[in-house]
Structure formats: C-alpha cells, structure tokens
Amino acid sequence: MKAMKATFATALLLLAAACQNMQMMTHPPDTPAKKMSEPLKFRVLKSGQYGALESEKPGLEQHEHPYVAHDPRSYLELWEDHVGHIPPPAVDFDKESAIFLVMGQVPTGGYNIDVKGLSFDDDGETVVVEAPVVEPSAHSPSAMAISAPYIVIAVNRPNLHAALWRRGSETTRSAQ
C-alpha cells in the first residue's frame, strides 16, 4: 500500500511538472498573450491646451499623433518639444512608458483630449489609447487664440514602442 501511495504521489508530481512546462511552452513570459492578460493602467502626467506651438519651435511638425517615450532621453526630448520648458514629472522606465497625445495647432481654445481607456491591438504589442477629442461648445466662450492641446500619460508597460490613438472613428499610429 505504501509503495502504491508513493507511486501515485510521484505520478502526481510528474503530471504537475508537465502541466507547468506545457504552460510555459504555450505562453512563455513576456509574450503578447501574457502582456494582454495583465490589465493596462495609466496615470495622467500633464494635460493642457497650450503645448509648444510650431511658431515657438521652428521645424517642429505637430500632427495628431501619439508619440511614445520608453527611455529618459526620448521622454525629455518629447516633453520639451510638445509641452515646453517646465520640468516633467518622474517616470520609472523600468516599469512604465510615456505616451504623448498631441493635437497640433487648432484655431481656438476649448479643445481637450479625454483618455477613456487602454487596450492592446491585435499584435499584442501596440497599446491602443481610447481618447476622444472634446471640442469647444458652440454656445460657450472659448479663447480666440491658437492653441495646441495635449495630454501625457504614463502606462504600466516598459519598453513600449508603438501606440495607436483612437479618437472615435479615427485612429492614428504613433510617429516613428
């Protein structure tokens, strides 16, 4: 009876180990399947209506794009290009990446970018940012000045290289 229990226990351990190995082969760590199973979280670092304007930065082209920073150097460059000369909030690039949603120039104030949520694209690597643009109401006053709305978020994904900005029916891929 003892031999039968020992054989049964050994068989159970081997079966458990085989299942673990099979799971590792099916979804090794850091595969898109694993990344998609972890919930995406974000925090707003800064948003505003008056980002850096093209007139302030000759040669800077601002279009409706998401820009991704996955290291301190690219973060500081994008921050200075699109937000300005104020000090940027800290980002832990061992755990996060930063996404800049930049509208470019618009003729009046009152525009905002409202991040509703994040998901993964079909490739499992690209983060999709659901962020409609809120336009000024025709019935409320808004500044009659050129503005450049933006929002910067930190996402709980290090080494992120691509993002999509979904603004309702329009989608824009991150600038490379």
Protein backbone atom coordinates (compact mmCIF):
# COMPACT_ATOMS: atom_id res chain seq x y z
CA MET A 1 0.00 0.00 0.00
CA LYS A 2 2.89 2.39 0.86
CA ALA A 3 4.52 1.65 -2.48
CA MET A 4 1.26 2.39 -4.27
CA LYS A 5 0.87 5.74 -2.45
CA ALA A 6 4.49 6.68 -3.27
CA THR A 7 3.98 5.77 -6.92
CA PHE A 8 0.74 7.77 -7.03
CA ALA A 9 2.41 10.82 -5.39
CA THR A 10 5.34 10.62 -7.83
CA ALA A 11 2.95 10.39 -10.77
CA LEU A 12 1.03 13.43 -9.49
CA LEU A 13 4.26 15.47 -9.16
CA LEU A 14 5.34 14.50 -12.67
CA LEU A 15 1.92 15.43 -14.04
CA ALA A 16 2.03 18.84 -12.30
CA ALA A 17 5.54 19.50 -13.62
CA ALA A 18 4.49 18.51 -17.14
CA CYS A 19 1.50 20.85 -16.99
CA GLN A 20 3.72 23.71 -15.80
CA ASN A 21 6.19 23.08 -18.64
CA MET A 22 3.35 22.90 -21.16
CA GLN A 23 2.01 26.25 -19.94
CA MET A 24 5.49 27.80 -20.23
CA MET A 25 5.81 26.47 -23.78
CA THR A 26 2.35 27.76 -24.71
CA HIS A 27 2.76 31.23 -23.13
CA PRO A 28 6.38 31.92 -22.19
CA PRO A 29 6.98 35.03 -20.06
CA ASP A 30 6.76 38.38 -21.87
CA THR A 31 4.79 37.03 -24.81
CA PRO A 32 1.88 39.05 -26.18
CA ALA A 33 -0.55 36.58 -24.57
CA LYS A 34 0.94 37.31 -21.13
CA LYS A 35 1.06 41.05 -21.75
CA MET A 36 -2.57 41.09 -22.86
CA SER A 37 -3.64 39.25 -19.69
CA GLU A 38 -2.18 41.95 -17.43
CA PRO A 39 -4.50 44.95 -17.10
CA LEU A 40 -3.25 48.17 -18.66
CA LYS A 41 -3.18 51.09 -16.26
CA PHE A 42 -2.28 54.71 -16.83
CA ARG A 43 -1.81 57.92 -14.93
CA VAL A 44 -2.02 61.42 -16.35
CA LEU A 45 1.30 63.23 -16.11
CA LYS A 46 0.15 66.53 -17.63
CA SER A 47 -2.52 67.86 -19.94
CA GLY A 48 -3.23 71.28 -21.33
CA GLN A 49 -4.45 73.41 -24.18
CA TYR A 50 -1.27 75.33 -24.82
CA GLY A 51 1.52 72.92 -25.64
CA ALA A 52 4.58 74.05 -27.54
CA LEU A 53 3.47 75.71 -30.76
CA GLU A 54 5.13 75.34 -34.14
CA SER A 55 5.87 79.07 -34.11
CA GLU A 56 7.91 78.60 -30.91
CA LYS A 57 9.89 75.68 -32.33
CA PRO A 58 10.89 76.24 -35.96
CA GLY A 59 10.93 72.95 -37.86
CA LEU A 60 8.72 71.15 -35.32
CA GLU A 61 5.85 69.49 -37.13
CA GLN A 62 2.88 68.83 -34.93
CA HIS A 63 0.23 66.49 -36.20
CA GLU A 64 -2.43 64.48 -34.46
CA HIS A 65 -0.17 61.63 -33.37
CA PRO A 66 0.68 59.62 -30.33
CA TYR A 67 4.38 59.76 -29.50
CA VAL A 68 5.95 57.07 -27.30
CA ALA A 69 8.88 57.55 -24.90
CA HIS A 70 10.43 54.38 -23.47
CA ASP A 71 13.59 55.90 -22.01
CA PRO A 72 14.55 59.13 -20.20
CA ARG A 73 16.24 60.69 -23.24
CA SER A 74 13.24 60.33 -25.57
CA TYR A 75 10.91 61.41 -22.75
CA LEU A 76 12.81 64.66 -22.15
CA GLU A 77 13.03 65.39 -25.90
CA LEU A 78 9.31 64.81 -26.45
CA TRP A 79 8.44 66.77 -23.30
CA GLU A 80 10.42 69.79 -24.43
CA ASP A 81 9.07 69.56 -28.00
CA HIS A 82 5.40 69.21 -27.10
CA VAL A 83 4.87 70.51 -23.56
CA GLY A 84 7.56 73.14 -23.09
CA HIS A 85 10.28 74.07 -20.65
CA ILE A 86 8.57 73.15 -17.38
CA PRO A 87 10.14 70.20 -15.52
CA PRO A 88 8.50 66.87 -16.41
CA PRO A 89 7.05 64.53 -13.77
CA ALA A 90 9.07 61.43 -12.94
CA VAL A 91 8.51 58.22 -14.92
CA ASP A 92 10.01 54.88 -13.85
CA PHE A 93 11.09 53.50 -17.22
CA ASP A 94 11.84 50.12 -15.65
CA LYS A 95 8.06 49.79 -15.14
CA GLU A 96 6.43 52.38 -17.44
CA SER A 97 6.48 54.12 -20.79
CA ALA A 98 5.07 57.56 -21.57
CA ILE A 99 2.60 58.34 -24.34
CA PHE A 100 2.12 61.88 -25.63
CA LEU A 101 -1.15 62.60 -27.46
CA VAL A 102 -0.62 65.82 -29.38
CA MET A 103 -3.32 67.52 -31.47
CA GLY A 104 -1.16 70.13 -33.14
CA GLN A 105 -2.44 73.65 -33.65
CA VAL A 106 -6.15 74.46 -33.52
CA PRO A 107 -7.66 77.92 -34.10
CA THR A 108 -9.24 78.42 -30.63
CA GLY A 109 -9.05 77.28 -27.04
CA GLY A 110 -11.56 74.89 -25.52
CA TYR A 111 -10.25 71.64 -27.02
CA ASN A 112 -9.37 68.77 -24.67
CA ILE A 113 -8.15 65.21 -25.05
CA ASP A 114 -10.01 62.82 -22.75
CA VAL A 115 -8.34 59.43 -22.18
CA LYS A 116 -11.13 56.89 -21.59
CA GLY A 117 -9.11 53.67 -21.54
CA LEU A 118 -6.32 51.50 -22.91
CA SER A 119 -6.23 48.15 -24.68
CA PHE A 120 -3.89 46.10 -26.85
CA ASP A 121 -4.05 46.00 -30.63
CA ASP A 122 -4.29 42.60 -32.34
CA ASP A 123 -0.48 42.27 -32.38
CA GLY A 124 -0.42 42.22 -28.56
CA GLU A 125 2.41 44.77 -28.50
CA THR A 126 0.78 48.03 -29.55
CA VAL A 127 -1.23 49.95 -26.95
CA VAL A 128 -4.47 51.48 -28.21
CA VAL A 129 -5.40 54.70 -26.39
CA GLU A 130 -9.13 55.45 -26.49
CA ALA A 131 -9.09 59.25 -26.22
CA PRO A 132 -11.74 61.30 -27.97
CA VAL A 133 -11.10 64.96 -28.64
CA VAL A 134 -13.60 67.19 -26.85
CA GLU A 135 -14.29 70.24 -28.99
CA PRO A 136 -15.43 73.58 -27.59
CA SER A 137 -19.17 74.04 -27.37
CA ALA A 138 -20.66 76.47 -29.89
CA HIS A 139 -22.63 78.02 -27.02
CA SER A 140 -19.78 78.64 -24.58
CA PRO A 141 -16.99 81.18 -24.84
CA SER A 142 -13.51 79.99 -25.71
CA ALA A 143 -10.22 81.80 -26.13
CA MET A 144 -9.74 83.22 -29.60
CA ALA A 145 -6.11 82.18 -29.70
CA ILE A 146 -4.19 79.43 -31.40
CA SER A 147 -3.84 76.51 -29.05
CA ALA A 148 -2.11 73.12 -29.13
CA PRO A 149 -3.92 70.63 -26.86
CA TYR A 150 -2.01 67.65 -25.48
CA ILE A 151 -2.05 65.02 -22.78
CA VAL A 152 0.86 62.95 -21.48
CA ILE A 153 0.20 59.65 -19.74
CA ALA A 154 2.41 57.01 -18.13
CA VAL A 155 1.44 53.42 -18.98
CA ASN A 156 2.42 50.38 -16.94
CA ARG A 157 4.40 48.86 -19.83
CA PRO A 158 8.19 49.34 -20.07
CA ASN A 159 9.85 49.36 -23.50
CA LEU A 160 6.67 50.28 -25.33
CA HIS A 161 7.49 51.23 -28.92
CA ALA A 162 4.13 51.78 -30.61
CA ALA A 163 0.74 53.22 -29.77
CA LEU A 164 -2.50 53.88 -31.59
CA TRP A 165 -4.67 56.88 -30.78
CA ARG A 166 -8.34 56.09 -31.32
CA ARG A 167 -10.48 59.25 -31.33
CA GLY A 168 -13.85 57.68 -32.11
CA SER A 169 -13.90 56.76 -35.78
CA GLU A 170 -10.32 57.96 -36.48
CA THR A 171 -7.16 56.07 -35.50
CA THR A 172 -3.58 57.34 -35.79
CA ARG A 173 -0.41 55.22 -35.34
CA SER A 174 2.49 56.57 -33.30
CA ALA A 175 5.16 58.53 -35.13
CA GLN A 176 8.39 56.61 -35.52
